[in-house]
N, C-alpha and C. Protein backbone atom coordinates (compact mmCIF):
# COMPACT_ATOMS: atom_id res chain seq x y z
N MET A 1 -129.23 34.73 110.61
CA MET A 1 -130.34 35.46 110.59
C MET A 1 -130.20 37.24 110.92
N LYS A 2 -131.01 37.97 110.70
CA LYS A 2 -130.72 39.50 110.93
C LYS A 2 -131.24 39.68 112.60
N SER A 3 -130.63 40.54 113.18
CA SER A 3 -131.07 40.97 114.34
C SER A 3 -131.93 42.07 114.70
N ILE A 4 -133.06 41.73 115.22
CA ILE A 4 -133.40 44.02 115.70
C ILE A 4 -132.97 44.12 117.38
N THR A 5 -132.51 45.46 117.78
CA THR A 5 -132.05 45.69 118.95
C THR A 5 -133.76 46.47 119.90
N ILE A 6 -133.83 45.66 121.00
CA ILE A 6 -135.08 46.15 121.57
C ILE A 6 -134.54 46.60 123.16
N LYS A 7 -134.80 47.80 123.56
CA LYS A 7 -134.37 48.20 124.49
C LYS A 7 -135.09 48.55 125.81
N GLY A 8 -135.29 47.30 127.05
CA GLY A 8 -135.96 47.10 127.54
C GLY A 8 -135.80 47.67 129.09
N SER A 9 -136.44 47.81 129.67
CA SER A 9 -136.52 48.01 131.07
C SER A 9 -137.63 46.87 131.61
N GLN A 10 -136.61 46.33 133.00
CA GLN A 10 -137.40 45.09 133.71
C GLN A 10 -138.39 45.72 134.40
N ARG A 11 -139.87 45.00 134.35
CA ARG A 11 -140.87 45.08 135.62
C ARG A 11 -140.91 44.87 136.92
N GLU A 12 -140.96 45.09 137.61
CA GLU A 12 -141.26 44.84 139.14
C GLU A 12 -142.20 44.38 139.63
N SER A 13 -143.40 45.53 139.14
CA SER A 13 -144.86 44.81 138.65
C SER A 13 -145.45 44.29 138.04
N VAL A 14 -146.18 43.68 138.45
CA VAL A 14 -146.66 42.86 137.11
C VAL A 14 -148.62 43.31 136.71
N GLY A 15 -148.35 43.80 138.09
CA GLY A 15 -150.41 43.98 137.90
C GLY A 15 -151.21 44.81 137.13
N LYS A 16 -152.51 44.52 136.90
CA LYS A 16 -153.28 45.62 135.96
C LYS A 16 -153.25 47.09 136.16
N VAL A 17 -152.97 47.23 137.24
CA VAL A 17 -152.50 49.11 137.33
C VAL A 17 -151.29 49.58 136.74
N SER A 18 -150.51 48.41 136.38
CA SER A 18 -148.77 49.54 136.30
C SER A 18 -148.50 48.57 135.23
N THR A 19 -149.32 47.66 134.49
CA THR A 19 -149.33 47.17 133.29
C THR A 19 -150.37 47.94 132.23
N LYS A 20 -151.92 48.45 132.86
CA LYS A 20 -152.14 49.47 132.33
C LYS A 20 -151.54 50.80 131.87
N ALA A 21 -150.62 51.37 133.10
CA ALA A 21 -149.97 52.70 133.03
C ALA A 21 -148.90 52.52 131.72
N LEU A 22 -148.62 51.48 132.15
CA LEU A 22 -147.24 51.36 131.13
C LEU A 22 -147.90 51.58 129.15
N ARG A 23 -148.97 51.30 129.61
CA ARG A 23 -149.41 51.10 127.92
C ARG A 23 -150.33 52.66 127.63
N ASN A 24 -150.33 53.58 128.76
CA ASN A 24 -151.18 54.90 128.96
C ASN A 24 -149.44 55.68 128.54
N ALA A 25 -148.48 54.99 128.92
CA ALA A 25 -146.80 55.82 128.40
C ALA A 25 -146.28 55.52 127.59
N GLY A 26 -147.25 54.37 126.89
CA GLY A 26 -146.69 54.26 124.93
C GLY A 26 -145.64 53.00 124.88
N LYS A 27 -145.58 52.29 125.80
CA LYS A 27 -145.04 51.00 126.19
C LYS A 27 -145.78 49.60 126.06
N VAL A 28 -144.92 48.82 126.09
CA VAL A 28 -145.72 47.89 125.47
C VAL A 28 -145.14 46.61 126.30
N PRO A 29 -145.99 46.24 127.70
CA PRO A 29 -146.04 45.38 128.32
C PRO A 29 -144.96 43.92 127.94
N CYS A 30 -144.01 43.17 128.20
CA CYS A 30 -143.28 41.56 127.73
C CYS A 30 -143.20 40.48 128.49
N VAL A 31 -142.78 39.61 127.82
CA VAL A 31 -142.12 38.41 129.07
C VAL A 31 -141.67 37.79 128.03
N LEU A 32 -140.18 37.76 128.50
CA LEU A 32 -139.32 36.34 128.40
C LEU A 32 -139.33 35.54 128.48
N TYR A 33 -139.79 33.95 127.93
CA TYR A 33 -139.70 32.73 128.58
C TYR A 33 -138.61 32.29 128.25
N GLY A 34 -137.88 30.92 128.21
CA GLY A 34 -137.15 30.10 127.65
C GLY A 34 -136.08 30.06 129.07
N GLY A 35 -136.33 30.25 129.73
CA GLY A 35 -134.76 30.96 130.57
C GLY A 35 -135.43 30.42 132.00
N ASP A 36 -134.26 30.57 133.39
CA ASP A 36 -134.80 29.82 134.32
C ASP A 36 -135.94 30.06 134.98
N LYS A 37 -136.32 31.60 134.71
CA LYS A 37 -137.38 31.53 135.36
C LYS A 37 -138.42 33.03 134.36
N PRO A 38 -139.75 32.88 134.14
CA PRO A 38 -139.75 34.07 133.09
C PRO A 38 -139.33 35.50 133.14
N LEU A 39 -139.48 36.66 132.64
CA LEU A 39 -138.58 37.66 132.57
C LEU A 39 -139.67 38.43 132.44
N HIS A 40 -139.83 39.77 132.74
CA HIS A 40 -140.96 40.51 133.21
C HIS A 40 -139.66 42.00 131.74
N PHE A 41 -140.55 42.35 131.21
CA PHE A 41 -140.14 43.94 131.30
C PHE A 41 -140.83 44.03 129.95
N SER A 42 -140.09 45.68 129.77
CA SER A 42 -141.40 46.17 129.01
C SER A 42 -140.62 47.16 128.04
N ALA A 43 -140.90 48.25 126.86
CA ALA A 43 -140.20 48.65 126.00
C ALA A 43 -141.42 50.02 125.20
N ASP A 44 -140.42 50.59 124.43
CA ASP A 44 -141.40 51.31 123.96
C ASP A 44 -142.12 50.71 122.28
N GLU A 45 -142.88 51.37 122.66
CA GLU A 45 -143.95 50.37 120.82
C GLU A 45 -143.49 50.52 119.71
N LEU A 46 -142.88 51.87 120.01
CA LEU A 46 -141.92 52.17 118.62
C LEU A 46 -140.84 51.04 118.36
N SER A 47 -140.38 50.76 119.29
CA SER A 47 -138.79 49.93 119.32
C SER A 47 -139.40 48.45 118.61
N PHE A 48 -140.60 47.94 118.13
CA PHE A 48 -141.30 46.93 117.83
C PHE A 48 -141.92 46.78 116.62
N LYS A 49 -141.71 48.55 115.67
CA LYS A 49 -141.98 48.56 114.47
C LYS A 49 -141.39 47.18 113.43
N ASP A 50 -140.43 47.70 113.50
CA ASP A 50 -139.41 46.93 112.18
C ASP A 50 -139.23 45.30 112.89
N LEU A 51 -139.92 44.66 114.09
CA LEU A 51 -139.85 43.63 114.15
C LEU A 51 -141.71 43.36 113.96
N VAL A 52 -142.65 43.61 113.89
CA VAL A 52 -143.45 42.99 114.02
C VAL A 52 -144.23 43.38 112.73
N TYR A 53 -144.08 44.48 111.88
CA TYR A 53 -144.40 44.98 110.65
C TYR A 53 -143.72 45.02 109.98
N THR A 54 -143.65 43.58 109.65
CA THR A 54 -142.41 43.58 108.13
C THR A 54 -142.71 41.62 107.86
N PRO A 55 -142.97 41.79 106.21
CA PRO A 55 -142.99 40.62 105.97
C PRO A 55 -141.58 39.85 106.21
N ASN A 56 -140.50 40.00 107.03
CA ASN A 56 -139.57 39.39 107.17
C ASN A 56 -139.12 39.08 108.35
N ALA A 57 -138.34 37.64 108.52
CA ALA A 57 -138.41 37.39 110.23
C ALA A 57 -136.38 37.54 110.63
N TYR A 58 -137.22 38.38 112.05
CA TYR A 58 -135.72 38.78 112.97
C TYR A 58 -135.93 37.97 114.28
N THR A 59 -134.22 37.75 114.33
CA THR A 59 -134.23 37.50 115.54
C THR A 59 -134.27 39.16 116.87
N ALA A 60 -134.64 38.85 118.22
CA ALA A 60 -134.72 40.31 118.93
C ALA A 60 -133.44 39.96 119.71
N VAL A 61 -132.62 41.18 119.65
CA VAL A 61 -131.46 41.03 121.02
C VAL A 61 -132.36 42.40 121.89
N ILE A 62 -132.69 41.72 123.21
CA ILE A 62 -133.29 42.59 124.28
C ILE A 62 -132.51 43.20 125.26
N GLU A 63 -132.20 44.23 125.27
CA GLU A 63 -130.97 45.34 125.80
C GLU A 63 -131.72 45.29 127.19
N LEU A 64 -131.21 45.04 128.65
CA LEU A 64 -131.75 45.70 129.48
C LEU A 64 -131.13 46.83 130.05
N GLU A 65 -131.68 47.57 131.30
CA GLU A 65 -131.29 48.53 131.58
C GLU A 65 -129.78 48.25 132.74
N ASP A 66 -130.10 46.75 133.40
CA ASP A 66 -129.08 46.37 133.78
C ASP A 66 -127.56 45.33 133.11
N GLY A 67 -128.19 45.69 131.92
CA GLY A 67 -126.45 45.79 131.19
C GLY A 67 -126.87 44.32 130.76
N GLN A 68 -127.67 43.43 130.84
CA GLN A 68 -128.18 42.00 130.08
C GLN A 68 -128.57 42.39 128.60
N LYS A 69 -127.87 40.97 127.48
CA LYS A 69 -128.12 40.93 126.39
C LYS A 69 -128.36 39.73 126.39
N LEU A 70 -130.05 39.55 125.59
CA LEU A 70 -130.56 38.39 125.83
C LEU A 70 -131.11 38.42 124.02
N GLU A 71 -131.23 37.26 123.61
CA GLU A 71 -131.48 37.03 122.19
C GLU A 71 -132.56 35.89 122.14
N ALA A 72 -133.51 36.78 121.43
CA ALA A 72 -135.20 35.95 120.93
C ALA A 72 -135.51 36.66 120.19
N VAL A 73 -136.90 35.24 119.98
CA VAL A 73 -137.19 35.33 118.70
C VAL A 73 -138.88 35.13 119.64
N LEU A 74 -140.08 36.22 118.58
CA LEU A 74 -140.91 36.35 118.93
C LEU A 74 -142.18 35.61 118.85
N GLN A 75 -142.70 34.88 119.98
CA GLN A 75 -143.55 33.58 120.47
C GLN A 75 -144.62 34.73 120.18
N ASP A 76 -145.76 35.31 120.60
CA ASP A 76 -147.18 35.60 120.90
C ASP A 76 -146.84 37.54 120.70
N ILE A 77 -147.96 37.33 119.71
CA ILE A 77 -148.80 39.60 119.97
C ILE A 77 -149.69 39.89 119.95
N GLN A 78 -150.39 40.59 121.11
CA GLN A 78 -152.28 40.76 120.85
C GLN A 78 -152.10 42.52 120.77
N PHE A 79 -153.05 42.58 119.71
CA PHE A 79 -153.08 43.22 119.23
C PHE A 79 -154.51 44.05 119.46
N HIS A 80 -154.65 45.46 119.82
CA HIS A 80 -156.01 45.90 120.25
C HIS A 80 -157.01 45.62 119.18
N PRO A 81 -158.40 44.85 119.52
CA PRO A 81 -159.16 44.21 118.27
C PRO A 81 -159.70 45.88 117.38
N VAL A 82 -159.56 47.16 118.48
CA VAL A 82 -160.04 48.20 117.65
C VAL A 82 -158.93 48.85 116.74
N THR A 83 -157.75 49.34 118.11
CA THR A 83 -157.21 50.24 117.65
C THR A 83 -155.74 49.94 116.82
N ASP A 84 -155.76 48.22 117.06
CA ASP A 84 -154.79 47.97 116.70
C ASP A 84 -153.13 48.03 116.96
N LYS A 85 -153.40 48.83 118.14
CA LYS A 85 -152.07 49.07 119.22
C LYS A 85 -151.25 47.68 119.88
N ILE A 86 -150.34 47.62 119.73
CA ILE A 86 -149.66 46.18 120.69
C ILE A 86 -149.61 46.06 122.37
N LEU A 87 -150.65 45.42 122.26
CA LEU A 87 -150.91 45.45 124.12
C LEU A 87 -150.28 44.04 124.87
N HIS A 88 -149.73 43.37 124.27
CA HIS A 88 -148.87 42.89 125.05
C HIS A 88 -147.59 41.69 123.64
N ILE A 89 -146.58 41.46 124.68
CA ILE A 89 -145.71 40.24 123.59
C ILE A 89 -144.76 39.78 124.58
N ASP A 90 -145.25 38.24 123.90
CA ASP A 90 -143.90 37.02 124.40
C ASP A 90 -143.17 36.53 123.71
N PHE A 91 -141.96 36.52 123.45
CA PHE A 91 -140.60 36.12 123.68
C PHE A 91 -140.36 34.98 124.52
N TYR A 92 -139.43 34.00 123.01
CA TYR A 92 -138.62 33.28 123.64
C TYR A 92 -137.53 33.13 123.45
N GLN A 93 -136.65 32.72 124.84
CA GLN A 93 -134.87 33.41 124.29
C GLN A 93 -134.36 31.87 124.36
N LEU A 94 -133.50 32.37 123.86
CA LEU A 94 -132.31 31.71 122.50
C LEU A 94 -130.69 31.26 123.02
N PHE A 95 -130.84 30.37 122.59
CA PHE A 95 -129.30 29.21 123.26
C PHE A 95 -128.92 28.92 122.01
N LYS A 96 -127.68 28.67 121.71
CA LYS A 96 -127.05 28.48 121.12
C LYS A 96 -126.37 27.04 120.30
N ASP A 97 -127.07 26.65 121.51
CA ASP A 97 -127.18 24.74 121.01
C ASP A 97 -128.61 24.22 121.26
N LYS A 98 -129.50 24.56 121.36
CA LYS A 98 -130.84 24.52 121.29
C LYS A 98 -131.94 24.85 120.31
N PRO A 99 -132.26 24.23 119.47
CA PRO A 99 -133.14 23.95 117.99
C PRO A 99 -134.53 25.34 118.59
N VAL A 100 -134.45 25.69 117.91
CA VAL A 100 -135.92 26.51 117.77
C VAL A 100 -136.84 26.81 116.38
N THR A 101 -138.07 26.76 117.16
CA THR A 101 -138.96 26.47 115.78
C THR A 101 -139.31 27.92 115.46
N MET A 102 -139.61 28.41 113.92
CA MET A 102 -139.99 29.94 113.87
C MET A 102 -140.05 30.06 112.54
N ASN A 103 -141.38 30.75 112.08
CA ASN A 103 -142.17 31.19 110.17
C ASN A 103 -141.13 31.97 109.62
N ILE A 104 -140.65 30.96 108.47
CA ILE A 104 -139.27 31.11 108.08
C ILE A 104 -140.31 31.91 106.69
N PRO A 105 -139.94 33.18 106.44
CA PRO A 105 -140.89 33.77 104.62
C PRO A 105 -140.31 33.10 103.38
N VAL A 106 -141.50 33.14 102.57
CA VAL A 106 -140.40 32.60 101.14
C VAL A 106 -140.39 33.24 100.16
N ARG A 107 -139.33 33.65 99.52
CA ARG A 107 -139.41 34.33 98.72
C ARG A 107 -139.63 33.61 97.24
N LEU A 108 -139.71 34.14 95.86
CA LEU A 108 -140.02 33.35 94.91
C LEU A 108 -138.94 34.03 94.22
N GLU A 109 -138.63 33.69 93.47
CA GLU A 109 -137.36 33.83 92.36
C GLU A 109 -137.24 33.52 91.11
N GLY A 110 -136.82 34.01 89.84
CA GLY A 110 -137.38 33.86 88.40
C GLY A 110 -138.67 34.20 88.08
N ASN A 111 -138.97 33.97 87.09
CA ASN A 111 -140.08 33.85 86.29
C ASN A 111 -140.86 32.74 85.61
N SER A 112 -141.82 32.61 86.05
CA SER A 112 -142.16 30.63 85.51
C SER A 112 -143.21 31.08 83.97
N PRO A 113 -142.55 30.14 83.45
CA PRO A 113 -142.99 29.81 81.99
C PRO A 113 -144.68 29.40 81.83
N GLY A 114 -144.68 29.28 82.94
CA GLY A 114 -146.76 28.42 82.98
C GLY A 114 -147.44 29.92 83.25
N VAL A 115 -146.70 31.32 83.92
CA VAL A 115 -147.62 31.90 83.85
C VAL A 115 -147.34 33.11 82.58
N ARG A 116 -146.12 32.81 81.86
CA ARG A 116 -145.82 33.91 80.73
C ARG A 116 -146.96 33.16 79.34
N ASN A 117 -147.54 31.69 79.92
CA ASN A 117 -148.41 31.05 78.99
C ASN A 117 -149.53 31.44 79.38
N GLY A 118 -149.84 32.21 80.06
CA GLY A 118 -150.91 31.87 80.60
C GLY A 118 -151.87 31.57 81.98
N GLY A 119 -151.16 30.83 82.58
CA GLY A 119 -151.16 30.26 83.66
C GLY A 119 -151.67 31.28 85.04
N ARG A 120 -152.09 30.96 86.41
CA ARG A 120 -152.06 31.55 87.43
C ARG A 120 -151.65 30.71 88.29
N LEU A 121 -150.25 31.92 88.72
CA LEU A 121 -149.28 31.20 90.09
C LEU A 121 -150.42 30.95 91.38
N LEU A 122 -150.31 30.23 91.55
CA LEU A 122 -150.62 30.10 93.22
C LEU A 122 -150.04 30.19 94.46
N PHE A 123 -149.58 31.44 95.19
CA PHE A 123 -148.68 30.90 96.39
C PHE A 123 -149.09 30.21 97.64
N ARG A 124 -149.16 28.85 97.49
CA ARG A 124 -150.07 28.85 98.59
C ARG A 124 -149.25 28.30 99.71
N LYS A 125 -148.19 29.16 100.28
CA LYS A 125 -146.81 28.88 101.60
C LYS A 125 -146.20 29.71 101.73
N ARG A 126 -146.74 31.20 102.57
CA ARG A 126 -145.64 32.38 101.68
C ARG A 126 -144.77 32.65 103.12
N LYS A 127 -145.43 31.27 104.25
CA LYS A 127 -144.18 31.10 105.24
C LYS A 127 -143.90 29.81 105.79
N LEU A 128 -143.28 29.19 106.10
CA LEU A 128 -142.42 28.02 106.56
C LEU A 128 -142.32 27.57 107.93
N SER A 129 -142.75 26.92 108.57
CA SER A 129 -142.80 26.34 109.71
C SER A 129 -141.04 26.28 109.99
N ILE A 130 -139.97 25.88 110.10
CA ILE A 130 -138.66 25.90 109.94
C ILE A 130 -137.47 25.51 111.62
N LYS A 131 -137.53 24.60 112.13
CA LYS A 131 -136.44 24.28 113.66
C LYS A 131 -135.34 24.15 112.85
N ALA A 132 -134.37 25.00 113.41
CA ALA A 132 -132.87 24.50 113.61
C ALA A 132 -132.59 25.77 114.50
N LEU A 133 -131.19 25.19 114.81
CA LEU A 133 -129.83 25.66 115.61
C LEU A 133 -130.00 27.72 115.21
N PRO A 134 -129.81 28.35 116.34
CA PRO A 134 -129.95 29.98 115.99
C PRO A 134 -128.71 30.60 114.91
N ASP A 135 -128.53 30.03 114.68
CA ASP A 135 -127.14 30.55 114.30
C ASP A 135 -127.64 29.71 112.24
N LEU A 136 -128.40 28.80 112.76
CA LEU A 136 -127.94 28.20 111.09
C LEU A 136 -130.04 28.64 110.63
N LEU A 137 -130.73 29.55 111.32
CA LEU A 137 -131.87 30.28 111.04
C LEU A 137 -131.65 30.63 109.75
N PRO A 138 -132.37 30.43 108.28
CA PRO A 138 -132.25 31.57 107.53
C PRO A 138 -132.85 32.72 107.30
N ASP A 139 -133.13 33.82 106.78
CA ASP A 139 -133.45 35.20 106.76
C ASP A 139 -134.69 34.61 105.58
N PHE A 140 -134.69 33.80 104.57
CA PHE A 140 -135.86 33.26 104.15
C PHE A 140 -135.43 32.34 103.12
N ILE A 141 -136.99 31.92 102.83
CA ILE A 141 -136.57 30.67 102.03
C ILE A 141 -136.44 30.64 100.37
N THR A 142 -135.36 30.47 99.58
CA THR A 142 -135.59 30.87 98.04
C THR A 142 -136.22 30.22 97.09
N VAL A 143 -137.29 29.83 96.68
CA VAL A 143 -137.95 28.74 95.43
C VAL A 143 -137.80 29.45 94.01
N ASP A 144 -136.97 28.85 93.79
CA ASP A 144 -136.81 28.96 91.38
C ASP A 144 -137.77 28.70 90.45
N ILE A 145 -138.96 29.47 90.85
CA ILE A 145 -139.47 29.03 89.72
C ILE A 145 -139.55 28.98 88.55
N SER A 146 -138.68 29.47 87.85
CA SER A 146 -138.03 29.53 86.56
C SER A 146 -138.63 28.54 85.49
N LYS A 147 -138.88 27.09 86.10
CA LYS A 147 -138.99 25.99 85.57
C LYS A 147 -140.46 25.37 85.91
N LEU A 148 -141.14 26.48 86.36
CA LEU A 148 -142.52 26.39 86.39
C LEU A 148 -143.43 26.06 85.51
N LYS A 149 -143.40 25.10 84.96
CA LYS A 149 -144.39 25.02 84.48
C LYS A 149 -146.30 24.89 84.76
N ILE A 150 -147.41 24.86 83.29
CA ILE A 150 -148.67 24.74 83.51
C ILE A 150 -148.92 23.51 84.13
N GLY A 151 -149.45 23.63 85.70
CA GLY A 151 -149.48 22.30 86.15
C GLY A 151 -148.70 21.82 86.50
N GLY A 152 -147.53 22.50 86.88
CA GLY A 152 -146.29 22.60 88.02
C GLY A 152 -146.65 22.53 89.00
N THR A 153 -145.93 21.87 90.29
CA THR A 153 -146.31 22.44 91.48
C THR A 153 -144.90 21.92 92.23
N ILE A 154 -144.37 23.03 93.37
CA ILE A 154 -142.93 23.29 93.87
C ILE A 154 -143.56 22.92 95.69
N SER A 155 -143.03 22.00 95.92
CA SER A 155 -143.71 20.61 97.44
C SER A 155 -142.02 21.28 98.51
N VAL A 156 -142.82 20.75 99.19
CA VAL A 156 -141.47 21.32 100.45
C VAL A 156 -140.35 20.12 100.17
N GLU A 157 -140.80 18.57 99.80
CA GLU A 157 -140.00 18.06 98.78
C GLU A 157 -138.41 18.27 98.59
N SER A 158 -139.04 19.69 97.57
CA SER A 158 -137.49 20.16 97.01
C SER A 158 -136.88 21.35 97.95
N LEU A 159 -137.12 21.60 98.75
CA LEU A 159 -136.70 22.78 99.47
C LEU A 159 -136.20 22.01 100.76
N LEU A 160 -135.16 21.52 100.92
CA LEU A 160 -134.75 20.25 102.34
C LEU A 160 -133.89 20.44 102.16
N SER A 161 -133.36 20.83 103.55
CA SER A 161 -131.82 21.14 104.01
C SER A 161 -131.18 20.39 104.53
N ASP A 162 -130.23 19.99 104.86
CA ASP A 162 -129.10 19.59 106.06
C ASP A 162 -128.89 20.48 107.12
N ASP A 163 -129.70 21.79 106.78
CA ASP A 163 -128.80 23.28 108.02
C ASP A 163 -130.20 23.19 108.91
N PHE A 164 -131.93 22.50 108.12
CA PHE A 164 -132.59 22.88 108.86
C PHE A 164 -134.25 22.18 108.93
N THR A 165 -134.88 21.91 109.97
CA THR A 165 -135.95 21.09 109.49
C THR A 165 -137.36 21.51 108.96
N ILE A 166 -137.66 21.85 108.07
CA ILE A 166 -138.90 22.33 107.60
C ILE A 166 -140.45 21.29 108.30
N GLN A 167 -141.62 21.72 109.27
CA GLN A 167 -141.85 21.30 109.74
C GLN A 167 -143.81 20.91 109.40
N HIS A 168 -143.41 20.54 107.96
CA HIS A 168 -144.26 20.02 107.32
C HIS A 168 -144.06 19.50 106.10
N PRO A 169 -145.57 18.18 106.54
CA PRO A 169 -145.16 17.47 105.31
C PRO A 169 -144.56 17.29 104.16
N ASN A 170 -143.84 16.29 103.50
CA ASN A 170 -143.00 16.70 102.34
C ASN A 170 -143.79 17.19 101.04
N ASN A 171 -145.00 16.28 101.10
CA ASN A 171 -145.89 16.40 100.24
C ASN A 171 -146.76 17.82 100.05
N THR A 172 -146.33 18.72 101.20
CA THR A 172 -147.42 19.78 101.01
C THR A 172 -146.70 21.08 99.77
N SER A 173 -147.78 21.38 99.33
CA SER A 173 -147.22 21.72 98.33
C SER A 173 -147.37 23.68 98.20
N VAL A 174 -145.82 24.64 97.99
CA VAL A 174 -145.42 25.71 98.32
C VAL A 174 -146.19 26.76 97.41
N VAL A 175 -145.86 26.46 96.24
CA VAL A 175 -146.43 27.10 95.02
C VAL A 175 -146.43 26.28 93.76
N GLN A 176 -147.74 26.50 93.02
CA GLN A 176 -147.81 25.58 91.88
C GLN A 176 -148.58 26.48 90.86
N VAL A 177 -148.12 26.34 89.22
CA VAL A 177 -149.55 27.02 88.20
C VAL A 177 -150.49 26.13 87.53
N LYS A 178 -151.16 26.72 88.06
CA LYS A 178 -152.76 25.55 87.37
C LYS A 178 -152.70 26.83 86.12
N ALA A 179 -154.03 26.06 85.56
CA ALA A 179 -154.19 26.40 83.99
C ALA A 179 -155.45 27.64 84.24
N SER A 180 -155.33 28.17 83.50
CA SER A 180 -156.28 29.65 83.15
C SER A 180 -157.53 29.63 81.65
N ARG A 181 -158.64 29.71 82.30
CA ARG A 181 -159.24 29.90 80.80
C ARG A 181 -158.55 30.18 79.59
N THR A 182 -157.61 31.46 79.93
CA THR A 182 -156.57 32.23 79.24
C THR A 182 -156.06 31.27 78.17
N SER A 183 -155.35 30.33 79.37
CA SER A 183 -153.99 28.73 79.30
C SER A 183 -154.34 27.96 78.18
N VAL A 184 -156.02 27.71 78.37
CA VAL A 184 -156.10 27.07 77.59
C VAL A 184 -156.81 26.98 76.49
N ALA A 185 -157.40 28.25 76.11
CA ALA A 185 -157.53 28.85 74.79
C ALA A 185 -156.04 29.20 74.02
N ASP A 186 -155.17 29.13 74.54
CA ASP A 186 -154.28 29.42 73.88
C ASP A 186 -153.97 28.01 73.48
N GLU A 187 -153.82 26.85 74.19
CA GLU A 187 -153.46 25.81 73.81
C GLU A 187 -153.96 25.43 72.47
N GLU A 188 -155.62 25.58 72.68
CA GLU A 188 -156.43 24.62 71.76
C GLU A 188 -156.48 25.21 70.24
N GLU A 189 -156.12 26.48 70.86
CA GLU A 189 -156.12 27.77 69.22
C GLU A 189 -154.02 27.35 68.29
N GLU A 190 -153.45 27.10 69.55
CA GLU A 190 -152.13 26.10 68.88
C GLU A 190 -152.50 25.14 68.05
N GLU A 191 -153.30 24.08 68.94
CA GLU A 191 -153.07 23.13 67.86
C GLU A 191 -153.94 22.57 67.20
N GLU A 192 -155.18 24.26 66.87
CA GLU A 192 -155.85 24.02 65.95
C GLU A 192 -155.40 24.88 64.54
N GLU A 193 -153.63 25.69 64.24
CA GLU A 193 -153.33 26.13 63.58
C GLU A 193 -152.15 24.96 63.25
N THR A 194 -151.87 24.37 64.38
CA THR A 194 -151.00 23.08 63.58
C THR A 194 -151.52 22.18 62.56
N SER A 195 -152.93 21.52 63.20
CA SER A 195 -153.05 21.45 62.42
C SER A 195 -153.72 21.28 60.85
N GLU A 196 -153.89 23.11 60.60
CA GLU A 196 -154.20 23.85 59.71
C GLU A 196 -153.14 23.65 58.69
N GLU A 197 -152.12 23.62 59.10
CA GLU A 197 -150.65 23.85 59.06
C GLU A 197 -150.06 22.72 58.23
N GLY A 198 -150.69 21.00 58.96
CA GLY A 198 -150.14 19.88 58.99
C GLY A 198 -151.22 20.15 57.44
N ALA A 199 -152.52 20.01 57.23
CA ALA A 199 -153.55 20.20 55.67
C ALA A 199 -152.66 20.81 54.76
N ALA A 200 -152.53 22.22 55.15
CA ALA A 200 -152.17 22.30 53.51
C ALA A 200 -150.72 21.90 53.57
N ALA A 201 -149.77 21.81 54.32
CA ALA A 201 -148.40 21.09 53.46
C ALA A 201 -149.21 19.91 53.03
N GLU A 202 -149.87 18.81 53.55
CA GLU A 202 -150.51 17.88 52.97
C GLU A 202 -150.78 18.22 51.31
N GLY A 203 -151.14 18.99 51.37
CA GLY A 203 -152.14 19.17 50.06
C GLY A 203 -151.38 19.92 48.70
N GLY A 204 -150.66 20.67 49.04
CA GLY A 204 -150.06 21.25 48.34
C GLY A 204 -148.26 20.86 47.94
N ALA A 205 -148.47 20.56 46.90
CA ALA A 205 -147.25 19.26 46.44
C ALA A 205 -145.84 19.67 46.23
N GLU A 206 -145.95 21.30 45.93
CA GLU A 206 -144.70 21.81 46.19
C GLU A 206 -144.19 22.84 47.48
N ALA A 207 -144.34 21.83 48.86
CA ALA A 207 -144.29 22.99 49.77
C ALA A 207 -142.86 22.65 50.31
N PRO A 208 -142.35 23.64 50.94
CA PRO A 208 -140.65 23.46 51.42
C PRO A 208 -140.83 21.94 52.67
N ALA A 209 -139.59 21.86 52.40
CA ALA A 209 -139.62 20.83 53.40
C ALA A 209 -139.66 21.85 54.45
N ALA A 210 -138.97 22.82 55.32
CA ALA A 210 -138.29 23.43 56.05
C ALA A 210 -140.05 23.40 57.17
N GLU A 211 -141.10 23.93 56.02
CA GLU A 211 -142.08 24.38 56.47
C GLU A 211 -142.63 23.10 57.17
N ALA A 212 -142.70 21.63 56.15
CA ALA A 212 -143.03 20.33 55.94
C ALA A 212 -142.80 20.35 57.36
N THR A 213 -141.52 20.31 58.16
CA THR A 213 -141.05 20.26 59.36
C THR A 213 -141.50 20.44 60.41
N GLU A 214 -142.24 21.98 60.20
CA GLU A 214 -142.17 22.13 61.27
C GLU A 214 -143.84 22.27 61.81
C-alpha cells in the first residue's frame, strides 16, 4: 500500500490553550496510539490533504523532529461542524507482524452487459473493511463486472483472498444490477418480436430455413 509522509512536531503540552494556539497557527493536533503509550504531535493542516481528501487508502509515515519515523493508519478524524477544518486526528501505529483493519476502496472493472441492456447498477459497498498484515494491505479491491447481467450480484464471497480477511459476511452484496422499467420494456418488446417472427415463419410456406431457425 502507498504511504504519505507527514512531518510533525511532538507536543509537550496537550491542554486546551496550547491546542487552540496550534489550530490558530494552521496546525492539527494528533495522537498516535498502538505503541507503549500515546504519542502527541502536531503537523500543518495542508500535510493531510492527500491523506484525508481522497477516495484512496494510504498509510502515513510520521516523521518527527527527533528523527523518529513511525508508520500508521488514520483511525479517527474530527472536522469543524461549520468550516470543515480538521480539528483533530487519531492515528494507530503499524507493526509488520501485527494485523490491522482498514477500510479499503472498491474499484469496478469492465462493462456490465446488464447495464448495457438497460439495467440499473447498484454500487452497494464502495469500501470494504479489510484485516491484514501491513505489507499485505491492498490499495483497492478490484471487482470485475464484465459478466454481471440483470438480476446478478457480486458478493463478498467471490472476493475472498489468502492475503487478507474481509470483515463482512460472505453474502454481503458489493455490486448488483437490477432491472429497470426500460430493461423490462426491452425484454417484452424482444419477446413480442420473436413471437411475430415465429408466426410469420409458420404462415409462410416458402420461408427460408435460416430465418425459421432464428
